Amino acid sequence: MIRVQRSAMKREALVHFDERRQANRTLSREAEERGRLGLPPAKGAPQVDQSLLAFERFMQSPNDVSALKYRHDYLTKVLSKRHK
């Protein structure tokens, strides 16, 4: 039973992480578009998480050692914070 609960917690954390990742990507695209149009950042807009953007870049890179290490380390950090 404990194992099932831990798996459910991990899944919940991964789902939350993926939702955060997608929202951050949307924020980044909106900020980039505003920049292209010469507009200032929207007032009160949340900050784009640059480390999460780096994670995105490494997700699209070949599976070399540095990309795998960054993704592993970042996910480990995020998931350990979520369940403390």
C-alpha atoms as a PDB file:
ATOM      1  CA  MET A   1       0.000   0.000   0.000  1.00  0.00           C
ATOM      2  CA  ILE A   2       2.785   2.438   0.840  1.00  0.00           C
ATOM      3  CA  ARG A   3       4.401   1.787  -2.529  1.00  0.00           C
ATOM      4  CA  VAL A   4       1.175   2.717  -4.347  1.00  0.00           C
ATOM      5  CA  GLN A   5       0.890   5.949  -2.372  1.00  0.00           C
ATOM      6  CA  ARG A   6       4.501   6.879  -3.141  1.00  0.00           C
ATOM      7  CA  SER A   7       3.915   6.182  -6.844  1.00  0.00           C
ATOM      8  CA  ALA A   8       0.781   8.304  -6.798  1.00  0.00           C
ATOM      9  CA  MET A   9       2.706  11.125  -5.105  1.00  0.00           C
ATOM     10  CA  LYS A  10       5.443  10.921  -7.726  1.00  0.00           C
ATOM     11  CA  ARG A  11       2.909  10.910 -10.542  1.00  0.00           C
ATOM     12  CA  GLU A  12       1.127  13.904  -9.026  1.00  0.00           C
ATOM     13  CA  ALA A  13       4.444  15.722  -8.733  1.00  0.00           C
ATOM     14  CA  LEU A  14       5.356  14.914 -12.331  1.00  0.00           C
ATOM     15  CA  VAL A  15       1.949  16.069 -13.574  1.00  0.00           C
ATOM     16  CA  HIS A  16       2.356  19.308 -11.617  1.00  0.00           C
ATOM     17  CA  PHE A  17       5.869  19.748 -13.014  1.00  0.00           C
ATOM     18  CA  ASP A  18       4.624  19.227 -16.574  1.00  0.00           C
ATOM     19  CA  GLU A  19       1.818  21.763 -16.086  1.00  0.00           C
ATOM     20  CA  ARG A  20       4.360  24.265 -14.721  1.00  0.00           C
ATOM     21  CA  ARG A  21       6.685  23.553 -17.643  1.00  0.00           C
ATOM     22  CA  GLN A  22       3.926  24.162 -20.191  1.00  0.00           C
ATOM     23  CA  ALA A  23       2.787  27.375 -18.471  1.00  0.00           C
ATOM     24  CA  ASN A  24       6.381  28.623 -18.390  1.00  0.00           C
ATOM     25  CA  ARG A  25       6.778  27.863 -22.103  1.00  0.00           C
ATOM     26  CA  THR A  26       3.622  29.900 -22.833  1.00  0.00           C
ATOM     27  CA  LEU A  27       4.924  32.808 -20.726  1.00  0.00           C
ATOM     28  CA  SER A  28       8.227  32.676 -22.559  1.00  0.00           C
ATOM     29  CA  ARG A  29       6.580  32.721 -25.978  1.00  0.00           C
ATOM     30  CA  GLU A  30       4.348  35.639 -24.987  1.00  0.00           C
ATOM     31  CA  ALA A  31       7.335  37.592 -23.642  1.00  0.00           C
ATOM     32  CA  GLU A  32       9.302  36.858 -26.812  1.00  0.00           C
ATOM     33  CA  GLU A  33       6.417  38.025 -28.986  1.00  0.00           C
ATOM     34  CA  ARG A  34       6.030  41.242 -26.978  1.00  0.00           C
ATOM     35  CA  GLY A  35       9.755  41.836 -27.388  1.00  0.00           C
ATOM     36  CA  ARG A  36       9.535  41.345 -31.148  1.00  0.00           C
ATOM     37  CA  LEU A  37       6.734  43.891 -31.290  1.00  0.00           C
ATOM     38  CA  GLY A  38       8.776  46.347 -29.214  1.00  0.00           C
ATOM     39  CA  LEU A  39       6.351  46.180 -26.294  1.00  0.00           C
ATOM     40  CA  PRO A  40       7.443  46.190 -22.669  1.00  0.00           C
ATOM     41  CA  PRO A  41       6.687  43.169 -20.483  1.00  0.00           C
ATOM     42  CA  ALA A  42       3.068  42.981 -19.385  1.00  0.00           C
ATOM     43  CA  LYS A  43       2.500  44.590 -15.985  1.00  0.00           C
ATOM     44  CA  GLY A  44       2.059  42.026 -13.259  1.00  0.00           C
ATOM     45  CA  ALA A  45       3.009  39.151 -15.563  1.00  0.00           C
ATOM     46  CA  PRO A  46       4.750  36.288 -13.780  1.00  0.00           C
ATOM     47  CA  GLN A  47       8.469  35.931 -14.372  1.00  0.00           C
ATOM     48  CA  VAL A  48       9.683  33.326 -16.823  1.00  0.00           C
ATOM     49  CA  ASP A  49      11.629  30.602 -14.993  1.00  0.00           C
ATOM     50  CA  GLN A  50      14.963  30.589 -16.831  1.00  0.00           C
ATOM     51  CA  SER A  51      16.170  27.307 -15.310  1.00  0.00           C
ATOM     52  CA  LEU A  52      12.980  25.654 -16.528  1.00  0.00           C
ATOM     53  CA  LEU A  53      13.642  27.065 -19.998  1.00  0.00           C
ATOM     54  CA  ALA A  54      17.110  25.522 -19.852  1.00  0.00           C
ATOM     55  CA  PHE A  55      15.433  22.212 -18.981  1.00  0.00           C
ATOM     56  CA  GLU A  56      13.260  22.650 -22.101  1.00  0.00           C
ATOM     57  CA  ARG A  57      16.338  23.227 -24.272  1.00  0.00           C
ATOM     58  CA  PHE A  58      17.991  20.101 -22.900  1.00  0.00           C
ATOM     59  CA  MET A  59      14.777  18.136 -23.542  1.00  0.00           C
ATOM     60  CA  GLN A  60      15.144  18.932 -27.238  1.00  0.00           C
ATOM     61  CA  SER A  61      18.869  18.257 -27.417  1.00  0.00           C
ATOM     62  CA  PRO A  62      20.487  14.934 -28.204  1.00  0.00           C
ATOM     63  CA  ASN A  63      20.808  12.599 -25.262  1.00  0.00           C
ATOM     64  CA  ASP A  64      24.403  13.465 -24.519  1.00  0.00           C
ATOM     65  CA  VAL A  65      25.869  13.182 -21.031  1.00  0.00           C
ATOM     66  CA  SER A  66      25.494  16.855 -20.103  1.00  0.00           C
ATOM     67  CA  ALA A  67      21.847  17.024 -21.254  1.00  0.00           C
ATOM     68  CA  LEU A  68      20.942  13.855 -19.375  1.00  0.00           C
ATOM     69  CA  LYS A  69      22.749  15.039 -16.243  1.00  0.00           C
ATOM     70  CA  TYR A  70      21.049  18.458 -16.288  1.00  0.00           C
ATOM     71  CA  ARG A  71      17.584  16.923 -16.745  1.00  0.00           C
ATOM     72  CA  HIS A  72      18.203  14.348 -14.016  1.00  0.00           C
ATOM     73  CA  ASP A  73      19.566  16.900 -11.545  1.00  0.00           C
ATOM     74  CA  TYR A  74      16.782  19.396 -12.249  1.00  0.00           C
ATOM     75  CA  LEU A  75      13.990  16.821 -11.869  1.00  0.00           C
ATOM     76  CA  THR A  76      15.569  15.436  -8.708  1.00  0.00           C
ATOM     77  CA  LYS A  77      15.705  18.937  -7.223  1.00  0.00           C
ATOM     78  CA  VAL A  78      12.110  19.780  -8.201  1.00  0.00           C
ATOM     79  CA  LEU A  79      10.638  16.489  -7.018  1.00  0.00           C
ATOM     80  CA  SER A  80      12.520  16.508  -3.721  1.00  0.00           C
ATOM     81  CA  LYS A  81      11.252  20.042  -2.931  1.00  0.00           C
ATOM     82  CA  ARG A  82       7.697  19.020  -3.726  1.00  0.00           C
ATOM     83  CA  HIS A  83       7.648  16.154  -1.229  1.00  0.00           C
ATOM     84  CA  LYS A  84       9.471  17.567   1.775  1.00  0.00           C
END
